Amino acid sequence: MAESESGELQELRVVESELNERWPETKIEPSLDRIRALTDLLAEPQRGYPVVHVAGTNGKSSTARMVDALMTRIGLRVGRYSSPHLQLVTERINIDGGPISPSAYVEAYRDIAPYVSIVDSNSEVPMSKFEVLTGMAFAAFAEAPVETAVLEVGLGGGWDATNVADAQVAVLCPVSLDHAEYLGSDIAEIAAEKAGIIKQDSVVVMASQSQEAQDPILRKVAEMDATVARQGQEFGVLERTVAVGGQMLRLQGLSGIYEDVFLPVHGEHQAHNAALALASVEAFFGAGTERQLDIEQVRDAFAGVVTPGRLERVRAAPTVLVDAAHNPHGARALADAVSAEFSFRRLVGVVGVMSDKDARGILTELEQVIEELVVTRNSAPRAMEPDDLAALAEEIFGRDRVHVEPRLDDAVASAISLAEHTTDPSDSISGAGIVITGSVVTAGEARALFGKEPV
């Protein structure tokens, strides 16, 4: 590593150490007061560019990346704010299709730090790490400057720090149960909180939802005099064919049909994310004017989409897939995609989850496709202990199918050995596979193990 790169990373670690003294993203005092006070001191940088705001339980990151890719290909300079990161915190603030540099991240922090101190001194609760990161992103986008920002909600919607921005397009990905301790104990409560990103006279682009989720979203649409486009009605996936390295799509947009769109990502859920992203960009540019987006730009944008840690292949023979599924809904999408698009003779799972997640629900969804399971943990303090996870897994998989490896690298090595093992000398390992999943942190650390760079 060059000396300058080493110095940049050292400064980044210093900043991260300072930020980590603040409340983590798992500890929240629901309020927009602190982030609003900071943006007021910064002269409201979030108002210097139009915003597409993405909320929902699953699919936010992939959808936001697709929106970013489309807008970039059309010719806009795009800033994208996302969370959590897979490997390096700089991934959270993207400009021009890639993470900002460590030095730019440090500069963004140093620039707003004096104002953060002012907010802290006037508040009973200091700003959280996520609130500071959000302020950094807003300021970095204004400094660039970007021509539009794609903001992914961190948690919830209405009181998420990103919601001090007023989006002209609000994107609602599928809503399911997650973070019940903060968002509510049922889907209707969670959907109502996520619908808080809908602003007056905006356009709402809504993924297919359960009736329980749809009703509060539509009530918010009516309250804000917004316009709504619904997947399955105004837009959607007309045809989908599994292809080498991804899938070929025929999409119904808000302004017409888009043929022969290749998406280099696996899973039917990603096809629906693509339709959602397409409609969101059409809405941004004024869908309903009968002017379609340029088909070649759409094809080019989708063909270049990268979704790290989402059914991402990181090794061949045996195939190793990494997926950031961290709740039952995500695990179900993963299981469905593996069943439909891969022909594994034997699939071994490596699973490490957080202690505050529905581990039983995740394991139950994965059991239908995984033959043997290696439970482990990632490096996060909230990670569930492997022995506790194993006890749950044995209830679902049976004791003979569950193996325990406390270290992720050992768990991956064990899974590769299990996948390659055969009692039949004529049986090829080419049909064996491994899927590493259960948490965004697990997915990120697995990517690093296989030498993948942050994206």
Protein backbone atom coordinates (compact mmCIF):
# COMPACT_ATOMS: atom_id res chain seq x y z
CA MET A 1 0.00 0.00 0.00
CA ALA A 2 1.31 3.47 -0.88
CA GLU A 3 2.37 5.67 2.02
CA SER A 4 -0.35 8.23 1.24
CA GLU A 5 -3.02 5.52 1.20
CA SER A 6 -1.78 4.21 4.53
CA GLY A 7 -1.95 7.72 6.00
CA GLU A 8 -5.49 8.22 4.71
CA LEU A 9 -6.67 4.98 6.29
CA GLN A 10 -5.00 5.89 9.56
CA GLU A 11 -6.85 9.22 9.62
CA LEU A 12 -10.05 7.37 8.75
CA ARG A 13 -9.55 5.06 11.74
CA VAL A 14 -9.07 8.09 14.00
CA VAL A 15 -12.34 9.61 12.79
CA GLU A 16 -14.17 6.30 13.15
CA SER A 17 -12.86 6.01 16.69
CA GLU A 18 -14.32 9.43 17.48
CA LEU A 19 -17.63 8.58 15.84
CA ASN A 20 -17.83 5.25 17.65
CA GLU A 21 -17.92 7.08 20.97
CA ARG A 22 -21.40 8.21 19.97
CA TRP A 23 -24.59 6.20 20.14
CA PRO A 24 -24.51 3.39 17.56
CA GLU A 25 -27.25 2.92 15.00
CA THR A 26 -28.87 0.31 17.24
CA LYS A 27 -29.58 2.91 19.94
CA ILE A 28 -32.05 5.58 18.96
CA GLU A 29 -33.85 8.52 20.53
CA PRO A 30 -36.58 9.15 17.92
CA SER A 31 -36.35 12.83 17.02
CA LEU A 32 -35.38 15.05 14.11
CA ASP A 33 -34.43 17.91 16.44
CA ARG A 34 -30.68 17.24 16.49
CA ILE A 35 -30.20 16.61 12.76
CA ARG A 36 -32.43 19.60 11.98
CA ALA A 37 -30.33 21.79 14.27
CA LEU A 38 -27.18 20.61 12.50
CA THR A 39 -28.52 21.19 8.98
CA ASP A 40 -29.73 24.65 10.05
CA LEU A 41 -26.17 25.50 11.15
CA LEU A 42 -24.86 24.13 7.84
CA ALA A 43 -27.32 26.32 5.86
CA GLU A 44 -29.52 23.34 4.93
CA PRO A 45 -27.29 21.59 2.38
CA GLN A 46 -29.98 18.92 1.80
CA ARG A 47 -32.08 21.54 0.02
CA GLY A 48 -29.43 22.19 -2.63
CA TYR A 49 -30.44 19.24 -4.83
CA PRO A 50 -33.58 17.22 -5.59
CA VAL A 51 -33.95 14.00 -3.62
CA VAL A 52 -35.18 10.46 -4.22
CA HIS A 53 -35.85 8.88 -0.82
CA VAL A 54 -35.91 5.08 -0.43
CA ALA A 55 -37.56 3.33 2.53
CA GLY A 56 -38.82 -0.18 3.26
CA THR A 57 -37.75 -3.35 5.05
CA ASN A 58 -35.88 -5.17 2.30
CA GLY A 59 -34.46 -4.14 -1.08
CA LYS A 60 -33.56 -0.55 -0.19
CA SER A 61 -29.86 -0.77 -0.98
CA SER A 62 -30.29 -2.63 -4.26
CA THR A 63 -33.08 -0.30 -5.39
CA ALA A 64 -31.05 2.78 -4.46
CA ARG A 65 -28.05 1.45 -6.41
CA MET A 66 -30.25 0.89 -9.45
CA VAL A 67 -31.74 4.38 -9.22
CA ASP A 68 -28.20 5.76 -8.95
CA ALA A 69 -27.05 3.75 -11.99
CA LEU A 70 -29.99 4.90 -14.12
CA MET A 71 -29.63 8.57 -13.23
CA THR A 72 -25.87 8.47 -13.74
CA ARG A 73 -26.26 6.88 -17.18
CA ILE A 74 -28.84 9.49 -18.14
CA GLY A 75 -26.23 12.14 -17.37
CA LEU A 76 -26.77 13.46 -13.85
CA ARG A 77 -24.12 13.74 -11.17
CA VAL A 78 -25.56 11.63 -8.37
CA GLY A 79 -24.87 11.39 -4.67
CA ARG A 80 -26.07 8.27 -2.86
CA TYR A 81 -26.26 7.79 0.89
CA SER A 82 -26.76 4.23 2.11
CA SER A 83 -26.44 2.13 5.24
CA PRO A 84 -25.14 0.00 6.73
CA HIS A 85 -21.85 -0.50 4.92
CA LEU A 86 -20.49 -3.93 4.03
CA GLN A 87 -16.75 -3.43 4.51
CA LEU A 88 -15.66 0.21 4.79
CA VAL A 89 -17.66 3.14 6.12
CA THR A 90 -16.80 5.27 3.08
CA GLU A 91 -19.25 3.08 1.10
CA ARG A 92 -22.08 5.01 2.76
CA ILE A 93 -21.38 8.26 0.91
CA ASN A 94 -21.21 7.73 -2.84
CA ILE A 95 -20.55 10.33 -5.51
CA ASP A 96 -20.15 9.57 -9.22
CA GLY A 97 -21.03 5.91 -8.71
CA GLY A 98 -18.42 5.04 -6.09
CA PRO A 99 -17.53 5.54 -2.43
CA ILE A 100 -15.83 8.78 -1.49
CA SER A 101 -12.15 8.47 -0.63
CA PRO A 102 -11.00 8.07 2.96
CA SER A 103 -9.49 11.57 2.80
CA ALA A 104 -12.80 13.06 1.56
CA TYR A 105 -14.64 11.24 4.34
CA VAL A 106 -12.26 12.64 6.94
CA GLU A 107 -12.57 16.12 5.42
CA ALA A 108 -16.38 15.94 5.52
CA TYR A 109 -16.23 14.99 9.19
CA ARG A 110 -13.73 17.69 10.13
CA ASP A 111 -15.75 20.33 8.25
CA ILE A 112 -18.95 19.70 10.22
CA ALA A 113 -17.40 18.70 13.58
CA PRO A 114 -17.53 22.25 15.08
CA TYR A 115 -21.24 22.46 14.28
CA VAL A 116 -21.86 18.99 15.72
CA SER A 117 -20.27 20.21 18.97
CA ILE A 118 -22.67 23.16 19.05
CA VAL A 119 -25.67 20.84 18.64
CA ASP A 120 -24.31 18.49 21.33
CA SER A 121 -23.89 21.37 23.78
CA ASN A 122 -27.53 22.38 23.34
CA SER A 123 -29.06 18.92 23.53
CA GLU A 124 -29.68 16.55 26.41
CA VAL A 125 -28.85 13.69 24.02
CA PRO A 126 -25.70 14.11 21.88
CA MET A 127 -25.96 13.42 18.18
CA SER A 128 -25.78 9.73 17.25
CA LYS A 129 -23.21 8.35 14.84
CA PHE A 130 -25.87 7.95 12.15
CA GLU A 131 -27.02 11.55 12.56
CA VAL A 132 -23.47 12.82 12.14
CA LEU A 133 -22.92 10.59 9.10
CA THR A 134 -26.15 11.94 7.58
CA GLY A 135 -24.95 15.50 8.07
CA MET A 136 -21.62 14.58 6.49
CA ALA A 137 -23.39 13.13 3.45
CA PHE A 138 -25.61 16.19 2.99
CA ALA A 139 -22.59 18.49 3.20
CA ALA A 140 -20.44 16.34 0.89
CA PHE A 141 -23.19 16.27 -1.74
CA ALA A 142 -23.56 20.05 -1.59
CA GLU A 143 -19.79 20.53 -1.83
CA ALA A 144 -19.41 18.20 -4.87
CA PRO A 145 -21.95 19.49 -6.00
CA VAL A 146 -24.36 16.74 -7.03
CA GLU A 147 -27.39 17.26 -9.24
CA THR A 148 -29.55 14.82 -7.31
CA ALA A 149 -29.27 12.69 -4.19
CA VAL A 150 -30.57 9.18 -3.58
CA LEU A 151 -31.09 8.72 0.15
CA GLU A 152 -31.60 5.33 1.74
CA VAL A 153 -33.42 5.44 5.05
CA GLY A 154 -31.37 4.05 7.93
CA LEU A 155 -34.21 2.87 10.14
CA GLY A 156 -37.93 3.56 9.89
CA GLY A 157 -38.85 6.65 7.95
CA GLY A 158 -40.63 9.53 9.63
CA TRP A 159 -38.03 10.18 12.32
CA ASP A 160 -35.00 8.82 10.45
CA ALA A 161 -32.27 11.45 10.20
CA THR A 162 -32.48 11.42 6.40
CA ASN A 163 -36.05 12.71 6.64
CA VAL A 164 -35.02 16.33 7.08
CA ALA A 165 -34.71 16.22 3.30
CA ASP A 166 -37.93 16.72 1.34
CA ALA A 167 -37.97 14.19 -1.47
CA GLN A 168 -39.84 14.82 -4.69
CA VAL A 169 -39.97 11.02 -5.14
CA ALA A 170 -40.55 8.68 -2.20
CA VAL A 171 -39.86 5.00 -2.89
CA LEU A 172 -41.49 2.39 -0.64
CA CYS A 173 -39.84 -1.03 -0.92
CA PRO A 174 -41.64 -4.09 0.51
CA VAL A 175 -42.52 -3.75 4.20
CA SER A 176 -42.28 -6.64 6.64
CA LEU A 177 -41.52 -7.18 10.32
CA ASP A 178 -38.14 -5.94 11.51
CA HIS A 179 -36.86 -3.62 14.26
CA ALA A 180 -40.16 -4.06 16.14
CA GLU A 181 -38.62 -2.49 19.26
CA TYR A 182 -38.49 0.86 17.44
CA LEU A 183 -40.96 0.70 14.57
CA GLY A 184 -43.95 -1.13 16.04
CA SER A 185 -45.15 -4.63 16.71
CA ASP A 186 -47.12 -5.18 13.53
CA ILE A 187 -46.73 -4.48 9.81
CA ALA A 188 -49.32 -1.68 9.80
CA GLU A 189 -47.41 0.28 12.46
CA ILE A 190 -44.11 -0.29 10.67
CA ALA A 191 -45.58 0.78 7.31
CA ALA A 192 -47.04 3.94 8.85
CA GLU A 193 -43.61 4.89 10.19
CA LYS A 194 -41.90 4.20 6.86
CA ALA A 195 -44.56 6.23 5.04
CA GLY A 196 -43.31 9.23 7.01
CA ILE A 197 -40.91 10.00 4.15
CA ILE A 198 -43.88 10.99 1.95
CA LYS A 199 -43.95 14.77 1.60
CA GLN A 200 -46.54 17.26 0.36
CA ASP A 201 -47.28 16.98 -3.39
CA SER A 202 -44.57 14.37 -3.93
CA VAL A 203 -44.71 11.24 -6.07
CA VAL A 204 -44.82 7.89 -4.25
CA VAL A 205 -43.54 4.81 -6.05
CA MET A 206 -44.74 1.79 -4.10
CA ALA A 207 -43.61 -1.82 -4.36
CA SER A 208 -46.17 -4.59 -4.04
CA GLN A 209 -47.28 -4.62 -0.41
CA SER A 210 -49.48 -6.72 1.81
CA GLN A 211 -52.89 -5.14 2.46
CA GLU A 212 -51.78 -4.49 6.04
CA ALA A 213 -48.84 -2.41 4.81
CA GLN A 214 -50.57 -0.79 1.85
CA ASP A 215 -53.43 0.78 3.79
CA PRO A 216 -51.37 3.13 6.03
CA ILE A 217 -49.14 4.06 3.09
CA LEU A 218 -52.14 5.06 0.98
CA ARG A 219 -53.60 7.02 3.90
CA LYS A 220 -50.36 9.01 4.07
CA VAL A 221 -50.46 9.53 0.30
CA ALA A 222 -53.94 11.05 0.62
CA GLU A 223 -52.94 13.16 3.64
CA MET A 224 -50.01 14.69 1.74
CA ASP A 225 -51.87 15.14 -1.58
CA ALA A 226 -49.20 12.96 -3.16
CA THR A 227 -49.45 10.96 -6.37
CA VAL A 228 -48.94 7.21 -6.13
CA ALA A 229 -47.70 4.64 -8.65
CA ARG A 230 -48.20 1.01 -7.57
CA GLN A 231 -46.21 -2.00 -8.63
CA GLY A 232 -48.45 -4.49 -10.35
CA GLN A 233 -50.78 -1.74 -11.55
CA GLU A 234 -48.99 1.27 -13.03
CA PHE A 235 -45.65 -0.52 -13.44
CA GLY A 236 -44.04 -3.91 -12.92
CA VAL A 237 -42.23 -6.93 -14.34
CA LEU A 238 -43.97 -8.25 -17.47
CA GLU A 239 -41.53 -11.07 -18.24
CA ARG A 240 -38.49 -12.51 -16.55
CA THR A 241 -36.12 -15.16 -17.88
CA VAL A 242 -33.16 -16.57 -15.99
CA ALA A 243 -30.00 -15.93 -18.01
CA VAL A 244 -26.31 -16.67 -17.64
CA GLY A 245 -25.02 -14.34 -14.94
CA GLY A 246 -28.39 -12.84 -14.13
CA GLN A 247 -31.78 -12.38 -15.81
CA MET A 248 -33.43 -10.86 -18.86
CA LEU A 249 -36.39 -8.60 -18.16
CA ARG A 250 -39.31 -7.01 -19.93
CA LEU A 251 -40.46 -4.13 -17.76
CA GLN A 252 -43.63 -2.06 -17.73
CA GLY A 253 -42.60 1.46 -16.84
CA LEU A 254 -44.82 4.43 -16.10
CA SER A 255 -44.33 5.72 -19.64
CA GLY A 256 -44.15 2.52 -21.67
CA ILE A 257 -42.56 -0.91 -22.04
CA TYR A 258 -38.81 -1.53 -21.86
CA GLU A 259 -37.72 -4.66 -23.72
CA ASP A 260 -34.61 -6.85 -23.42
CA VAL A 261 -33.21 -5.41 -20.21
CA PHE A 262 -30.39 -7.56 -18.82
CA LEU A 263 -29.86 -7.42 -15.07
CA PRO A 264 -26.62 -9.09 -13.86
CA VAL A 265 -28.14 -9.96 -10.48
CA HIS A 266 -29.95 -13.11 -9.36
CA GLY A 267 -33.40 -13.44 -7.83
CA GLU A 268 -36.98 -12.55 -8.74
CA HIS A 269 -36.94 -10.00 -5.93
CA GLN A 270 -34.17 -8.13 -7.78
CA ALA A 271 -36.32 -8.00 -10.92
CA HIS A 272 -39.00 -6.28 -8.85
CA ASN A 273 -36.37 -3.92 -7.42
CA ALA A 274 -35.41 -3.07 -11.01
CA ALA A 275 -39.00 -2.25 -11.92
CA LEU A 276 -39.28 -0.11 -8.80
CA ALA A 277 -36.07 1.76 -9.63
CA LEU A 278 -37.13 2.32 -13.23
CA ALA A 279 -40.49 3.76 -12.21
CA SER A 280 -38.81 5.96 -9.61
CA VAL A 281 -36.49 7.50 -12.19
CA GLU A 282 -39.37 7.95 -14.63
CA ALA A 283 -41.31 9.72 -11.87
CA PHE A 284 -38.31 11.92 -11.14
CA PHE A 285 -38.23 13.05 -14.77
CA GLY A 286 -42.00 13.52 -14.97
CA ALA A 287 -43.62 10.25 -15.95
CA GLY A 288 -46.99 10.56 -17.59
CA THR A 289 -45.66 12.86 -20.27
CA GLU A 290 -45.57 9.88 -22.68
CA ARG A 291 -41.84 10.37 -23.00
CA GLN A 292 -40.01 7.18 -22.19
CA LEU A 293 -36.47 7.05 -20.93
CA ASP A 294 -33.99 6.20 -23.67
CA ILE A 295 -34.05 2.39 -23.95
CA GLU A 296 -30.32 2.08 -24.64
CA GLN A 297 -29.49 4.16 -21.58
CA VAL A 298 -31.81 1.98 -19.50
CA ARG A 299 -30.20 -1.20 -20.83
CA ASP A 300 -26.68 0.11 -20.28
CA ALA A 301 -27.49 1.24 -16.75
CA PHE A 302 -29.04 -2.02 -15.63
CA ALA A 303 -26.36 -4.11 -17.34
CA GLY A 304 -23.75 -2.33 -15.23
CA VAL A 305 -25.54 -2.60 -11.89
CA VAL A 306 -23.40 -3.94 -9.06
CA THR A 307 -25.07 -5.16 -5.87
CA PRO A 308 -22.32 -6.37 -3.54
CA GLY A 309 -23.36 -8.86 -0.90
CA ARG A 310 -26.64 -9.66 -2.65
CA LEU A 311 -26.39 -13.23 -3.94
CA GLU A 312 -22.90 -12.27 -5.02
CA ARG A 313 -20.63 -14.97 -6.37
CA VAL A 314 -17.20 -14.63 -4.76
CA ARG A 315 -15.67 -17.99 -5.76
CA ALA A 316 -16.19 -20.82 -8.25
CA ALA A 317 -15.71 -24.59 -7.78
CA PRO A 318 -17.27 -24.81 -5.36
CA THR A 319 -19.47 -21.80 -5.95
CA VAL A 320 -19.55 -19.46 -2.96
CA LEU A 321 -22.38 -16.94 -2.75
CA VAL A 322 -22.60 -14.10 -0.25
CA ASP A 323 -25.94 -12.60 0.71
CA ALA A 324 -26.79 -9.96 3.31
CA ALA A 325 -30.22 -11.40 4.24
CA HIS A 326 -30.78 -10.54 7.90
CA ASN A 327 -34.47 -11.17 8.48
CA PRO A 328 -36.96 -13.89 7.47
CA HIS A 329 -38.28 -11.93 4.48
CA GLY A 330 -34.76 -11.57 3.09
CA ALA A 331 -33.93 -15.20 3.83
CA ARG A 332 -37.07 -16.31 1.97
CA ALA A 333 -36.05 -14.28 -1.09
CA LEU A 334 -32.59 -15.84 -0.90
CA ALA A 335 -33.98 -19.37 -0.64
CA ASP A 336 -36.39 -18.79 -3.54
CA ALA A 337 -33.60 -17.43 -5.75
CA VAL A 338 -31.24 -20.30 -4.98
CA SER A 339 -33.98 -22.84 -5.73
CA ALA A 340 -35.03 -21.20 -8.99
CA GLU A 341 -31.69 -20.13 -10.46
CA PHE A 342 -29.01 -22.54 -9.26
CA SER A 343 -28.76 -26.32 -9.59
CA PHE A 344 -26.62 -27.22 -6.63
CA ARG A 345 -26.06 -30.88 -5.93
CA ARG A 346 -25.20 -29.97 -2.36
CA LEU A 347 -25.59 -26.57 -0.71
CA VAL A 348 -23.90 -25.76 2.57
CA GLY A 349 -24.85 -22.67 4.55
CA VAL A 350 -22.61 -20.48 6.69
CA VAL A 351 -24.80 -18.36 8.95
CA GLY A 352 -23.92 -15.67 11.46
CA VAL A 353 -26.71 -13.43 12.78
CA MET A 354 -27.16 -10.57 15.22
CA SER A 355 -28.60 -11.36 18.63
CA ASP A 356 -31.50 -8.93 18.18
CA LYS A 357 -32.69 -10.53 14.92
CA ASP A 358 -35.24 -13.29 14.31
CA ALA A 359 -32.67 -16.07 13.99
CA ARG A 360 -35.30 -18.79 14.17
CA GLY A 361 -37.24 -17.23 11.31
CA ILE A 362 -34.09 -16.85 9.20
CA LEU A 363 -33.04 -20.46 9.77
CA THR A 364 -36.53 -21.76 9.06
CA GLU A 365 -36.57 -20.09 5.65
CA LEU A 366 -33.07 -21.36 4.79
CA GLU A 367 -33.68 -24.95 5.84
CA GLN A 368 -35.57 -25.75 2.62
CA VAL A 369 -32.45 -25.21 0.47
CA ILE A 370 -29.47 -25.90 2.75
CA GLU A 371 -28.31 -29.48 3.23
CA GLU A 372 -25.74 -28.79 5.96
CA LEU A 373 -25.26 -25.73 8.11
CA VAL A 374 -22.18 -24.18 9.71
CA VAL A 375 -23.09 -21.62 12.37
CA THR A 376 -20.60 -18.95 13.31
CA ARG A 377 -20.37 -15.31 14.37
CA ASN A 378 -19.10 -12.11 12.85
CA SER A 379 -17.00 -9.51 14.66
CA ALA A 380 -19.88 -7.24 15.73
CA PRO A 381 -20.52 -6.91 19.49
CA ARG A 382 -24.20 -7.71 18.83
CA ALA A 383 -23.41 -11.01 17.11
CA MET A 384 -25.25 -14.05 18.46
CA GLU A 385 -22.98 -16.58 20.09
CA PRO A 386 -22.45 -19.65 17.88
CA ASP A 387 -23.54 -22.10 20.58
CA ASP A 388 -26.83 -20.24 21.05
CA LEU A 389 -27.38 -20.14 17.30
CA ALA A 390 -26.52 -23.83 17.04
CA ALA A 391 -29.13 -24.70 19.67
CA LEU A 392 -31.79 -22.99 17.58
CA ALA A 393 -30.49 -24.52 14.37
CA GLU A 394 -30.57 -28.05 15.75
CA GLU A 395 -34.30 -27.66 16.47
CA ILE A 396 -34.86 -26.83 12.79
CA PHE A 397 -32.18 -28.79 10.92
CA GLY A 398 -31.53 -31.65 13.33
CA ARG A 399 -28.26 -32.18 15.17
CA ASP A 400 -26.55 -34.14 12.40
CA ARG A 401 -26.82 -31.28 9.91
CA VAL A 402 -25.43 -28.54 12.16
CA HIS A 403 -21.75 -27.72 12.67
CA VAL A 404 -20.23 -25.00 14.86
CA GLU A 405 -17.19 -22.86 14.04
CA PRO A 406 -16.78 -19.75 16.21
CA ARG A 407 -14.56 -17.94 13.65
CA LEU A 408 -15.97 -16.94 10.29
CA ASP A 409 -12.82 -17.91 8.36
CA ASP A 410 -12.87 -21.37 9.94
CA ALA A 411 -16.59 -21.65 9.20
CA VAL A 412 -16.01 -20.89 5.52
CA ALA A 413 -13.17 -23.43 5.33
CA SER A 414 -15.39 -26.04 7.00
CA ALA A 415 -18.24 -25.30 4.59
CA ILE A 416 -15.97 -25.70 1.57
CA SER A 417 -14.80 -29.05 2.92
CA LEU A 418 -18.39 -30.18 3.48
CA ALA A 419 -19.44 -29.04 0.00
CA GLU A 420 -16.56 -30.87 -1.66
CA HIS A 421 -17.00 -34.07 0.33
CA THR A 422 -18.45 -36.99 -1.63
CA THR A 423 -18.45 -40.74 -1.19
CA ASP A 424 -18.82 -41.25 -4.94
CA PRO A 425 -15.48 -40.88 -6.82
CA SER A 426 -17.34 -40.18 -10.07
CA ASP A 427 -19.31 -37.32 -8.50
CA SER A 428 -17.99 -33.91 -9.54
CA ILE A 429 -17.73 -31.00 -7.08
CA SER A 430 -19.00 -28.67 -9.81
CA GLY A 431 -22.53 -28.91 -8.44
CA ALA A 432 -21.56 -28.05 -4.87
CA GLY A 433 -22.18 -24.65 -3.38
CA ILE A 434 -21.88 -22.53 -0.26
CA VAL A 435 -24.02 -19.58 0.75
CA ILE A 436 -22.78 -17.21 3.47
CA THR A 437 -25.55 -15.14 5.02
CA GLY A 438 -27.45 -13.99 8.12
CA SER A 439 -26.21 -10.42 8.51
CA VAL A 440 -24.85 -7.47 6.57
CA VAL A 441 -21.72 -7.68 8.74
CA THR A 442 -21.33 -11.38 8.00
CA ALA A 443 -21.66 -10.66 4.27
CA GLY A 444 -19.13 -7.84 4.40
CA GLU A 445 -16.56 -9.84 6.32
CA ALA A 446 -17.04 -12.77 3.94
CA ARG A 447 -16.40 -10.47 0.96
CA ALA A 448 -13.16 -9.35 2.59
CA LEU A 449 -12.10 -12.96 3.18
CA PHE A 450 -12.38 -13.57 -0.57
CA GLY A 451 -10.41 -10.44 -1.44
CA LYS A 452 -13.32 -8.32 -2.64
CA GLU A 453 -12.80 -4.56 -2.51
CA PRO A 454 -15.45 -2.19 -1.07
CA VAL A 455 -17.88 -0.97 -3.72
